[in-house]
Amino acid sequence: MIYIVSYDISNNNNRSGLNKFLKESGLLPIQKSVFFGELSPKGRERLIKESKNFFNNKKDSLLFINLSFEDFSNFKRFGINKDLNELKKEEVEFL
């Protein structure tokens, strides 16, 4: 399954730690606090469990959105982001 992970973390160290952890988990940053990638069910569970170590429930937010491959085929991107070249698939239109 494809996931989008977005966060709003107030503490700089926690934000940096989560950013690094998401990259190490194989997700690609597509915005400063938005990551994208494919995860196995085990990978998803690990990511959710471990990500909770980086945020404060009273101050911060963490959002996981799953997309089917069909949903992903409707993906549209405007503007420049070099990392998005890694996302290119034949069924995706990049504007």
PDB file of N, CA and C in Angstrom:
ATOM      1  N   MET A   1       0.850  -1.174   0.000  1.00  0.00           N
ATOM      2  CA  MET A   1       0.000   0.000   0.000  1.00  0.00           C
ATOM      3  C   MET A   1       0.897   1.239   0.000  1.00  0.00           C
ATOM      4  N   ILE A   2       0.424   2.280  -0.604  1.00  0.00           N
ATOM      5  CA  ILE A   2       1.140   3.548  -0.670  1.00  0.00           C
ATOM      6  C   ILE A   2       0.650   4.436   0.477  1.00  0.00           C
ATOM      7  N   TYR A   3       1.582   5.134   1.114  1.00  0.00           N
ATOM      8  CA  TYR A   3       1.231   6.004   2.237  1.00  0.00           C
ATOM      9  C   TYR A   3       1.774   7.405   2.049  1.00  0.00           C
ATOM     10  N   ILE A   4       1.005   8.347   2.560  1.00  0.00           N
ATOM     11  CA  ILE A   4       1.462   9.718   2.729  1.00  0.00           C
ATOM     12  C   ILE A   4       1.499   9.946   4.229  1.00  0.00           C
ATOM     13  N   VAL A   5       2.622  10.448   4.713  1.00  0.00           N
ATOM     14  CA  VAL A   5       2.789  10.749   6.133  1.00  0.00           C
ATOM     15  C   VAL A   5       3.083  12.233   6.245  1.00  0.00           C
ATOM     16  N   SER A   6       2.320  12.907   7.066  1.00  0.00           N
ATOM     17  CA  SER A   6       2.485  14.340   7.280  1.00  0.00           C
ATOM     18  C   SER A   6       2.590  14.603   8.774  1.00  0.00           C
ATOM     19  N   TYR A   7       3.413  15.576   9.131  1.00  0.00           N
ATOM     20  CA  TYR A   7       3.560  15.882  10.551  1.00  0.00           C
ATOM     21  C   TYR A   7       3.685  17.376  10.785  1.00  0.00           C
ATOM     22  N   ASP A   8       3.332  17.774  11.987  1.00  0.00           N
ATOM     23  CA  ASP A   8       3.522  19.132  12.486  1.00  0.00           C
ATOM     24  C   ASP A   8       4.094  18.957  13.890  1.00  0.00           C
ATOM     25  N   ILE A   9       5.414  19.067  14.008  1.00  0.00           N
ATOM     26  CA  ILE A   9       6.135  18.806  15.250  1.00  0.00           C
ATOM     27  C   ILE A   9       6.779  20.104  15.718  1.00  0.00           C
ATOM     28  N   SER A  10       6.509  20.513  16.948  1.00  0.00           N
ATOM     29  CA  SER A  10       7.012  21.787  17.451  1.00  0.00           C
ATOM     30  C   SER A  10       8.468  21.737  17.918  1.00  0.00           C
ATOM     31  N   ASN A  11       8.928  20.617  18.447  1.00  0.00           N
ATOM     32  CA  ASN A  11      10.281  20.489  18.970  1.00  0.00           C
ATOM     33  C   ASN A  11      11.260  20.181  17.833  1.00  0.00           C
ATOM     34  N   ASN A  12      12.299  21.008  17.690  1.00  0.00           N
ATOM     35  CA  ASN A  12      13.256  20.848  16.592  1.00  0.00           C
ATOM     36  C   ASN A  12      13.931  19.485  16.588  1.00  0.00           C
ATOM     37  N   ASN A  13      14.369  19.001  17.759  1.00  0.00           N
ATOM     38  CA  ASN A  13      15.047  17.703  17.822  1.00  0.00           C
ATOM     39  C   ASN A  13      14.106  16.570  17.431  1.00  0.00           C
ATOM     40  N   ASN A  14      12.875  16.614  17.918  1.00  0.00           N
ATOM     41  CA  ASN A  14      11.896  15.586  17.553  1.00  0.00           C
ATOM     42  C   ASN A  14      11.564  15.628  16.074  1.00  0.00           C
ATOM     43  N   ARG A  15      11.438  16.836  15.538  1.00  0.00           N
ATOM     44  CA  ARG A  15      11.123  16.997  14.112  1.00  0.00           C
ATOM     45  C   ARG A  15      12.262  16.433  13.263  1.00  0.00           C
ATOM     46  N   SER A  16      13.491  16.753  13.623  1.00  0.00           N
ATOM     47  CA  SER A  16      14.646  16.235  12.883  1.00  0.00           C
ATOM     48  C   SER A  16      14.744  14.719  12.998  1.00  0.00           C
ATOM     49  N   GLY A  17      14.476  14.203  14.194  1.00  0.00           N
ATOM     50  CA  GLY A  17      14.521  12.760  14.405  1.00  0.00           C
ATOM     51  C   GLY A  17      13.480  12.029  13.585  1.00  0.00           C
ATOM     52  N   LEU A  18      12.271  12.565  13.543  1.00  0.00           N
ATOM     53  CA  LEU A  18      11.207  11.937  12.763  1.00  0.00           C
ATOM     54  C   LEU A  18      11.530  12.008  11.278  1.00  0.00           C
ATOM     55  N   ASN A  19      12.029  13.138  10.834  1.00  0.00           N
ATOM     56  CA  ASN A  19      12.413  13.307   9.439  1.00  0.00           C
ATOM     57  C   ASN A  19      13.424  12.237   9.040  1.00  0.00           C
ATOM     58  N   LYS A  20      14.446  12.063   9.849  1.00  0.00           N
ATOM     59  CA  LYS A  20      15.474  11.062   9.581  1.00  0.00           C
ATOM     60  C   LYS A  20      14.881   9.651   9.604  1.00  0.00           C
ATOM     61  N   PHE A  21      14.040   9.370  10.580  1.00  0.00           N
ATOM     62  CA  PHE A  21      13.419   8.050  10.703  1.00  0.00           C
ATOM     63  C   PHE A  21      12.550   7.721   9.485  1.00  0.00           C
ATOM     64  N   LEU A  22      11.772   8.690   9.014  1.00  0.00           N
ATOM     65  CA  LEU A  22      10.918   8.454   7.850  1.00  0.00           C
ATOM     66  C   LEU A  22      11.756   8.152   6.613  1.00  0.00           C
ATOM     67  N   LYS A  23      12.851   8.880   6.432  1.00  0.00           N
ATOM     68  CA  LYS A  23      13.748   8.620   5.303  1.00  0.00           C
ATOM     69  C   LYS A  23      14.363   7.229   5.412  1.00  0.00           C
ATOM     70  N   GLU A  24      14.814   6.866   6.620  1.00  0.00           N
ATOM     71  CA  GLU A  24      15.410   5.546   6.837  1.00  0.00           C
ATOM     72  C   GLU A  24      14.394   4.430   6.625  1.00  0.00           C
ATOM     73  N   SER A  25      13.124   4.745   6.782  1.00  0.00           N
ATOM     74  CA  SER A  25      12.061   3.761   6.571  1.00  0.00           C
ATOM     75  C   SER A  25      11.700   3.601   5.101  1.00  0.00           C
ATOM     76  N   GLY A  26      12.373   4.360   4.246  1.00  0.00           N
ATOM     77  CA  GLY A  26      12.157   4.236   2.809  1.00  0.00           C
ATOM     78  C   GLY A  26      11.158   5.218   2.228  1.00  0.00           C
ATOM     79  N   LEU A  27      10.695   6.171   3.043  1.00  0.00           N
ATOM     80  CA  LEU A  27       9.756   7.167   2.527  1.00  0.00           C
ATOM     81  C   LEU A  27      10.527   8.337   1.929  1.00  0.00           C
ATOM     82  N   LEU A  28       9.931   8.952   0.964  1.00  0.00           N
ATOM     83  CA  LEU A  28      10.545  10.046   0.223  1.00  0.00           C
ATOM     84  C   LEU A  28       9.921  11.374   0.630  1.00  0.00           C
ATOM     85  N   PRO A  29      10.734  12.368   1.004  1.00  0.00           N
ATOM     86  CA  PRO A  29      10.151  13.675   1.336  1.00  0.00           C
ATOM     87  C   PRO A  29       9.668  14.370   0.061  1.00  0.00           C
ATOM     88  N   ILE A  30       8.395  14.749   0.057  1.00  0.00           N
ATOM     89  CA  ILE A  30       7.862  15.462  -1.102  1.00  0.00           C
ATOM     90  C   ILE A  30       7.516  16.911  -0.753  1.00  0.00           C
ATOM     91  N   GLN A  31       7.510  17.239   0.514  1.00  0.00           N
ATOM     92  CA  GLN A  31       7.396  18.586   1.051  1.00  0.00           C
ATOM     93  C   GLN A  31       8.212  18.576   2.338  1.00  0.00           C
ATOM     94  N   LYS A  32       8.362  19.716   2.999  1.00  0.00           N
ATOM     95  CA  LYS A  32       9.183  19.749   4.207  1.00  0.00           C
ATOM     96  C   LYS A  32       8.693  18.793   5.286  1.00  0.00           C
ATOM     97  N   SER A  33       7.406  18.636   5.424  1.00  0.00           N
ATOM     98  CA  SER A  33       6.883  17.754   6.475  1.00  0.00           C
ATOM     99  C   SER A  33       5.897  16.731   5.919  1.00  0.00           C
ATOM    100  N   VAL A  34       6.059  16.387   4.649  1.00  0.00           N
ATOM    101  CA  VAL A  34       5.192  15.406   4.001  1.00  0.00           C
ATOM    102  C   VAL A  34       6.076  14.373   3.302  1.00  0.00           C
ATOM    103  N   PHE A  35       5.808  13.100   3.609  1.00  0.00           N
ATOM    104  CA  PHE A  35       6.581  12.001   3.042  1.00  0.00           C
ATOM    105  C   PHE A  35       5.653  11.051   2.307  1.00  0.00           C
ATOM    106  N   PHE A  36       6.231  10.315   1.376  1.00  0.00           N
ATOM    107  CA  PHE A  36       5.462   9.455   0.495  1.00  0.00           C
ATOM    108  C   PHE A  36       6.228   8.157   0.274  1.00  0.00           C
ATOM    109  N   GLY A  37       5.522   7.045   0.204  1.00  0.00           N
ATOM    110  CA  GLY A  37       6.182   5.805  -0.152  1.00  0.00           C
ATOM    111  C   GLY A  37       5.297   4.594   0.034  1.00  0.00           C
ATOM    112  N   GLU A  38       5.845   3.463  -0.378  1.00  0.00           N
ATOM    113  CA  GLU A  38       5.142   2.197  -0.277  1.00  0.00           C
ATOM    114  C   GLU A  38       5.649   1.459   0.958  1.00  0.00           C
ATOM    115  N   LEU A  39       4.722   0.917   1.735  1.00  0.00           N
ATOM    116  CA  LEU A  39       5.068   0.179   2.951  1.00  0.00           C
ATOM    117  C   LEU A  39       4.310  -1.139   2.993  1.00  0.00           C
ATOM    118  N   SER A  40       4.959  -2.150   3.516  1.00  0.00           N
ATOM    119  CA  SER A  40       4.283  -3.416   3.783  1.00  0.00           C
ATOM    120  C   SER A  40       3.420  -3.220   5.027  1.00  0.00           C
ATOM    121  N   PRO A  41       2.491  -4.133   5.300  1.00  0.00           N
ATOM    122  CA  PRO A  41       1.710  -4.009   6.537  1.00  0.00           C
ATOM    123  C   PRO A  41       2.597  -3.962   7.792  1.00  0.00           C
ATOM    124  N   LYS A  42       3.650  -4.785   7.829  1.00  0.00           N
ATOM    125  CA  LYS A  42       4.572  -4.755   8.975  1.00  0.00           C
ATOM    126  C   LYS A  42       5.315  -3.428   9.042  1.00  0.00           C
ATOM    127  N   GLY A  43       5.731  -2.925   7.888  1.00  0.00           N
ATOM    128  CA  GLY A  43       6.422  -1.645   7.825  1.00  0.00           C
ATOM    129  C   GLY A  43       5.542  -0.508   8.314  1.00  0.00           C
ATOM    130  N   ARG A  44       4.281  -0.567   7.952  1.00  0.00           N
ATOM    131  CA  ARG A  44       3.320   0.453   8.390  1.00  0.00           C
ATOM    132  C   ARG A  44       3.171   0.425   9.901  1.00  0.00           C
ATOM    133  N   GLU A  45       2.979  -0.753  10.459  1.00  0.00           N
ATOM    134  CA  GLU A  45       2.805  -0.877  11.911  1.00  0.00           C
ATOM    135  C   GLU A  45       4.048  -0.394  12.657  1.00  0.00           C
ATOM    136  N   ARG A  46       5.224  -0.761  12.155  1.00  0.00           N
ATOM    137  CA  ARG A  46       6.472  -0.311  12.775  1.00  0.00           C
ATOM    138  C   ARG A  46       6.584   1.211  12.699  1.00  0.00           C
ATOM    139  N   LEU A  47       6.252   1.752  11.548  1.00  0.00           N
ATOM    140  CA  LEU A  47       6.340   3.199  11.356  1.00  0.00           C
ATOM    141  C   LEU A  47       5.413   3.933  12.317  1.00  0.00           C
ATOM    142  N   ILE A  48       4.192   3.463  12.461  1.00  0.00           N
ATOM    143  CA  ILE A  48       3.249   4.104  13.374  1.00  0.00           C
ATOM    144  C   ILE A  48       3.755   4.007  14.808  1.00  0.00           C
ATOM    145  N   LYS A  49       4.186   2.834  15.193  1.00  0.00           N
ATOM    146  CA  LYS A  49       4.663   2.624  16.562  1.00  0.00           C
ATOM    147  C   LYS A  49       5.882   3.494  16.877  1.00  0.00           C
ATOM    148  N   GLU A  50       6.882   3.469  16.006  1.00  0.00           N
ATOM    149  CA  GLU A  50       8.126   4.204  16.251  1.00  0.00           C
ATOM    150  C   GLU A  50       7.945   5.718  16.121  1.00  0.00           C
ATOM    151  N   SER A  51       7.073   6.157  15.223  1.00  0.00           N
ATOM    152  CA  SER A  51       6.866   7.592  15.012  1.00  0.00           C
ATOM    153  C   SER A  51       6.324   8.283  16.253  1.00  0.00           C
ATOM    154  N   LYS A  52       5.580   7.540  17.057  1.00  0.00           N
ATOM    155  CA  LYS A  52       4.999   8.126  18.264  1.00  0.00           C
ATOM    156  C   LYS A  52       6.063   8.597  19.255  1.00  0.00           C
ATOM    157  N   ASN A  53       7.290   8.110  19.106  1.00  0.00           N
ATOM    158  CA  ASN A  53       8.383   8.531  19.990  1.00  0.00           C
ATOM    159  C   ASN A  53       8.848   9.953  19.696  1.00  0.00           C
ATOM    160  N   PHE A  54       8.421  10.506  18.581  1.00  0.00           N
ATOM    161  CA  PHE A  54       8.920  11.810  18.154  1.00  0.00           C
ATOM    162  C   PHE A  54       7.930  12.955  18.323  1.00  0.00           C
ATOM    163  N   PHE A  55       6.763  12.692  18.875  1.00  0.00           N
ATOM    164  CA  PHE A  55       5.818  13.798  18.987  1.00  0.00           C
ATOM    165  C   PHE A  55       5.089  13.791  20.320  1.00  0.00           C
ATOM    166  N   ASN A  56       4.570  14.964  20.665  1.00  0.00           N
ATOM    167  CA  ASN A  56       3.841  15.206  21.900  1.00  0.00           C
ATOM    168  C   ASN A  56       2.353  15.273  21.545  1.00  0.00           C
ATOM    169  N   ASN A  57       1.551  14.397  22.135  1.00  0.00           N
ATOM    170  CA  ASN A  57       0.114  14.349  21.814  1.00  0.00           C
ATOM    171  C   ASN A  57      -0.620  15.660  22.078  1.00  0.00           C
ATOM    172  N   LYS A  58      -0.101  16.485  22.965  1.00  0.00           N
ATOM    173  CA  LYS A  58      -0.789  17.726  23.327  1.00  0.00           C
ATOM    174  C   LYS A  58      -0.378  18.912  22.457  1.00  0.00           C
ATOM    175  N   LYS A  59       0.737  18.781  21.726  1.00  0.00           N
ATOM    176  CA  LYS A  59       1.231  19.902  20.924  1.00  0.00           C
ATOM    177  C   LYS A  59       1.346  19.609  19.435  1.00  0.00           C
ATOM    178  N   ASP A  60       1.588  18.357  19.090  1.00  0.00           N
ATOM    179  CA  ASP A  60       1.970  18.003  17.730  1.00  0.00           C
ATOM    180  C   ASP A  60       0.916  17.139  17.045  1.00  0.00           C
ATOM    181  N   SER A  61       1.085  16.959  15.745  1.00  0.00           N
ATOM    182  CA  SER A  61       0.174  16.076  15.013  1.00  0.00           C
ATOM    183  C   SER A  61       0.958  15.222  14.026  1.00  0.00           C
ATOM    184  N   LEU A  62       0.414  14.059  13.770  1.00  0.00           N
ATOM    185  CA  LEU A  62       1.009  13.108  12.847  1.00  0.00           C
ATOM    186  C   LEU A  62      -0.142  12.463  12.088  1.00  0.00           C
ATOM    187  N   LEU A  63      -0.059  12.459  10.761  1.00  0.00           N
ATOM    188  CA  LEU A  63      -1.148  11.972   9.927  1.00  0.00           C
ATOM    189  C   LEU A  63      -0.631  10.918   8.958  1.00  0.00           C
ATOM    190  N   PHE A  64      -1.276   9.748   8.928  1.00  0.00           N
ATOM    191  CA  PHE A  64      -0.969   8.679   7.988  1.00  0.00           C
ATOM    192  C   PHE A  64      -2.165   8.525   7.059  1.00  0.00           C
ATOM    193  N   ILE A  65      -1.927   8.606   5.759  1.00  0.00           N
ATOM    194  CA  ILE A  65      -2.985   8.430   4.769  1.00  0.00           C
ATOM    195  C   ILE A  65      -2.568   7.302   3.837  1.00  0.00           C
ATOM    196  N   ASN A  66      -3.409   6.301   3.679  1.00  0.00           N
ATOM    197  CA  ASN A  66      -3.076   5.241   2.732  1.00  0.00           C
ATOM    198  C   ASN A  66      -3.826   5.462   1.424  1.00  0.00           C
ATOM    199  N   LEU A  67      -3.142   5.130   0.344  1.00  0.00           N
ATOM    200  CA  LEU A  67      -3.683   5.272  -0.999  1.00  0.00           C
ATOM    201  C   LEU A  67      -3.581   3.940  -1.725  1.00  0.00           C
ATOM    202  N   SER A  68      -4.579   3.620  -2.477  1.00  0.00           N
ATOM    203  CA  SER A  68      -4.475   2.456  -3.349  1.00  0.00           C
ATOM    204  C   SER A  68      -3.653   2.872  -4.572  1.00  0.00           C
ATOM    205  N   PHE A  69      -3.199   1.883  -5.329  1.00  0.00           N
ATOM    206  CA  PHE A  69      -2.457   2.212  -6.551  1.00  0.00           C
ATOM    207  C   PHE A  69      -3.356   2.956  -7.532  1.00  0.00           C
ATOM    208  N   GLU A  70      -4.659   2.675  -7.489  1.00  0.00           N
ATOM    209  CA  GLU A  70      -5.609   3.398  -8.343  1.00  0.00           C
ATOM    210  C   GLU A  70      -5.676   4.872  -7.938  1.00  0.00           C
ATOM    211  N   ASP A  71      -5.746   5.129  -6.610  1.00  0.00           N
ATOM    212  CA  ASP A  71      -5.743   6.507  -6.140  1.00  0.00           C
ATOM    213  C   ASP A  71      -4.455   7.212  -6.553  1.00  0.00           C
ATOM    214  N   PHE A  72      -3.337   6.511  -6.431  1.00  0.00           N
ATOM    215  CA  PHE A  72      -2.050   7.089  -6.776  1.00  0.00           C
ATOM    216  C   PHE A  72      -1.975   7.454  -8.252  1.00  0.00           C
ATOM    217  N   SER A  73      -2.668   6.702  -9.100  1.00  0.00           N
ATOM    218  CA  SER A  73      -2.616   6.984 -10.532  1.00  0.00           C
ATOM    219  C   SER A  73      -3.240   8.339 -10.867  1.00  0.00           C
ATOM    220  N   ASN A  74      -4.001   8.903  -9.933  1.00  0.00           N
ATOM    221  CA  ASN A  74      -4.609  10.223 -10.139  1.00  0.00           C
ATOM    222  C   ASN A  74      -3.762  11.346  -9.557  1.00  0.00           C
ATOM    223  N   PHE A  75      -2.556  11.047  -9.153  1.00  0.00           N
ATOM    224  CA  PHE A  75      -1.638  11.993  -8.526  1.00  0.00           C
ATOM    225  C   PHE A  75      -1.275  13.114  -9.488  1.00  0.00           C
ATOM    226  N   LYS A  76      -1.343  14.331  -9.022  1.00  0.00           N
ATOM    227  CA  LYS A  76      -0.928  15.498  -9.805  1.00  0.00           C
ATOM    228  C   LYS A  76       0.057  16.302  -8.971  1.00  0.00           C
ATOM    229  N   ARG A  77       1.089  16.806  -9.576  1.00  0.00           N
ATOM    230  CA  ARG A  77       2.092  17.608  -8.882  1.00  0.00           C
ATOM    231  C   ARG A  77       2.372  18.845  -9.694  1.00  0.00           C
ATOM    232  N   PHE A  78       2.360  19.989  -9.033  1.00  0.00           N
ATOM    233  CA  PHE A  78       2.668  21.260  -9.667  1.00  0.00           C
ATOM    234  C   PHE A  78       3.930  21.814  -9.035  1.00  0.00           C
ATOM    235  N   GLY A  79       4.773  22.431  -9.821  1.00  0.00           N
ATOM    236  CA  GLY A  79       5.989  23.029  -9.290  1.00  0.00           C
ATOM    237  C   GLY A  79       7.175  22.096  -9.422  1.00  0.00           C
ATOM    238  N   ILE A  80       8.258  22.479  -8.773  1.00  0.00           N
ATOM    239  CA  ILE A  80       9.526  21.766  -8.907  1.00  0.00           C
ATOM    240  C   ILE A  80       9.871  21.056  -7.612  1.00  0.00           C
ATOM    241  N   ASN A  81      10.228  19.813  -7.724  1.00  0.00           N
ATOM    242  CA  ASN A  81      10.759  19.044  -6.606  1.00  0.00           C
ATOM    243  C   ASN A  81      11.555  17.904  -7.220  1.00  0.00           C
ATOM    244  N   LYS A  82      12.883  17.987  -7.176  1.00  0.00           N
ATOM    245  CA  LYS A  82      13.736  16.999  -7.831  1.00  0.00           C
ATOM    246  C   LYS A  82      13.485  15.590  -7.328  1.00  0.00           C
ATOM    247  N   ASP A  83      13.176  15.433  -6.046  1.00  0.00           N
ATOM    248  CA  ASP A  83      12.960  14.106  -5.480  1.00  0.00           C
ATOM    249  C   ASP A  83      11.771  13.388  -6.104  1.00  0.00           C
ATOM    250  N   LEU A  84      10.838  14.115  -6.661  1.00  0.00           N
ATOM    251  CA  LEU A  84       9.654  13.480  -7.240  1.00  0.00           C
ATOM    252  C   LEU A  84       9.989  12.651  -8.469  1.00  0.00           C
ATOM    253  N   ASN A  85      11.159  12.856  -9.048  1.00  0.00           N
ATOM    254  CA  ASN A  85      11.545  12.020 -10.183  1.00  0.00           C
ATOM    255  C   ASN A  85      11.562  10.550  -9.793  1.00  0.00           C
ATOM    256  N   GLU A  86      11.836  10.259  -8.525  1.00  0.00           N
ATOM    257  CA  GLU A  86      11.849   8.879  -8.054  1.00  0.00           C
ATOM    258  C   GLU A  86      10.440   8.278  -8.019  1.00  0.00           C
ATOM    259  N   LEU A  87       9.421   9.111  -8.035  1.00  0.00           N
ATOM    260  CA  LEU A  87       8.045   8.631  -7.958  1.00  0.00           C
ATOM    261  C   LEU A  87       7.454   8.324  -9.324  1.00  0.00           C
ATOM    262  N   LYS A  88       8.124   8.727 -10.385  1.00  0.00           N
ATOM    263  CA  LYS A  88       7.527   8.621 -11.712  1.00  0.00           C
ATOM    264  C   LYS A  88       7.174   7.188 -12.062  1.00  0.00           C
ATOM    265  N   LYS A  89       5.965   7.034 -12.496  1.00  0.00           N
ATOM    266  CA  LYS A  89       5.473   5.757 -13.005  1.00  0.00           C
ATOM    267  C   LYS A  89       4.672   6.093 -14.250  1.00  0.00           C
ATOM    268  N   GLU A  90       4.542   5.148 -15.134  1.00  0.00           N
ATOM    269  CA  GLU A  90       3.874   5.429 -16.407  1.00  0.00           C
ATOM    270  C   GLU A  90       2.464   5.973 -16.231  1.00  0.00           C
ATOM    271  N   GLU A  91       1.742   5.499 -15.208  1.00  0.00           N
ATOM    272  CA  GLU A  91       0.350   5.897 -15.070  1.00  0.00           C
ATOM    273  C   GLU A  91       0.177   7.236 -14.360  1.00  0.00           C
ATOM    274  N   VAL A  92       1.273   7.899 -13.980  1.00  0.00           N
ATOM    275  CA  VAL A  92       1.192   9.146 -13.243  1.00  0.00           C
ATOM    276  C   VAL A  92       1.526  10.307 -14.156  1.00  0.00           C
ATOM    277  N   GLU A  93       0.742  11.347 -14.067  1.00  0.00           N
ATOM    278  CA  GLU A  93       0.985  12.539 -14.867  1.00  0.00           C
ATOM    279  C   GLU A  93       1.651  13.582 -14.003  1.00  0.00           C
ATOM    280  N   PHE A  94       2.823  14.049 -14.396  1.00  0.00           N
ATOM    281  CA  PHE A  94       3.523  15.114 -13.690  1.00  0.00           C
ATOM    282  C   PHE A  94       3.439  16.379 -14.515  1.00  0.00           C
ATOM    283  N   LEU A  95       2.909  17.423 -13.915  1.00  0.00           N
ATOM    284  CA  LEU A  95       2.730  18.686 -14.633  1.00  0.00           C
ATOM    285  C   LEU A  95       3.840  19.662 -14.285  1.00  0.00           C
TER     286      LEU A  95
END
